[in-house]
Amino acid sequence: MPVVKQYEEMDTIVIGEIESGDCRVDDQCLTMPNCARVEIKNIYYEDRETDSCVCAQN
């Protein structure tokens, strides 16, 4: 997922659009280029919290 914006306050918050596949809350991912392991804790789509997202949603 290309990251459009990133905020760091209490936790890191990233905003982007999935180019392929899907993701769900509690999925484990790697950020690039530093290969940091992250866990998806929340997903929001159109100002609503959801448990998953698919390609082309942003």
Protein backbone atom coordinates (compact mmCIF):
# COMPACT_ATOMS: atom_id res chain seq x y z
CA MET A 1 0.00 0.00 0.00
CA PRO A 2 1.61 3.29 -1.01
CA VAL A 3 1.48 5.66 1.96
CA VAL A 4 -0.07 9.05 1.20
CA LYS A 5 0.31 10.58 4.68
CA GLN A 6 1.82 9.57 8.00
CA TYR A 7 1.11 11.00 11.46
CA GLU A 8 3.07 10.20 14.61
CA GLU A 9 1.48 11.21 17.88
CA MET A 10 0.81 8.44 20.40
CA ASP A 11 1.00 5.78 17.66
CA THR A 12 1.85 5.93 13.99
CA ILE A 13 -1.10 6.54 11.69
CA VAL A 14 -0.75 5.97 7.95
CA ILE A 15 -3.14 6.85 5.14
CA GLY A 16 -2.99 5.21 1.73
CA GLU A 17 -4.69 3.22 -1.00
CA ILE A 18 -4.35 -0.55 -1.47
CA GLU A 19 -3.12 -1.34 -5.00
CA SER A 20 -3.71 -5.10 -4.79
CA GLY A 21 -5.15 -7.63 -2.38
CA ASP A 22 -6.83 -6.80 0.91
CA CYS A 23 -6.10 -6.27 4.59
CA ARG A 24 -7.92 -6.80 7.86
CA VAL A 25 -7.69 -5.61 11.43
CA ASP A 26 -5.02 -7.62 13.30
CA ASP A 27 -3.06 -8.40 10.07
CA GLN A 28 0.73 -8.27 10.44
CA CYS A 29 2.54 -6.24 7.74
CA LEU A 30 5.98 -4.90 6.85
CA THR A 31 6.64 -1.26 6.05
CA MET A 32 9.20 -0.49 3.37
CA PRO A 33 12.00 0.32 2.90
CA ASN A 34 13.01 -0.33 6.55
CA CYS A 35 11.03 -3.61 6.93
CA ALA A 36 9.47 -2.57 10.25
CA ARG A 37 6.79 -4.99 11.45
CA VAL A 38 3.42 -3.37 12.08
CA GLU A 39 -0.05 -4.56 13.09
CA ILE A 40 -3.23 -3.12 11.65
CA LYS A 41 -5.30 -1.96 14.62
CA ASN A 42 -8.03 0.08 12.91
CA ILE A 43 -9.31 0.60 9.37
CA TYR A 44 -11.48 3.54 8.37
CA TYR A 45 -13.32 3.94 5.07
CA GLU A 46 -15.29 7.10 4.34
CA ASP A 47 -15.10 8.19 8.02
CA ARG A 48 -16.48 4.86 9.28
CA GLU A 49 -14.56 2.16 11.09
CA THR A 50 -14.56 -1.23 9.35
CA ASP A 51 -12.77 -4.56 9.86
CA SER A 52 -11.34 -4.97 6.34
CA CYS A 53 -10.56 -3.18 3.08
CA VAL A 54 -9.86 -4.24 -0.50
CA CYS A 55 -7.98 -3.00 -3.55
CA ALA A 56 -8.90 0.51 -4.79
CA GLN A 57 -10.56 1.67 -1.54
CA ASN A 58 -8.84 4.75 -0.11
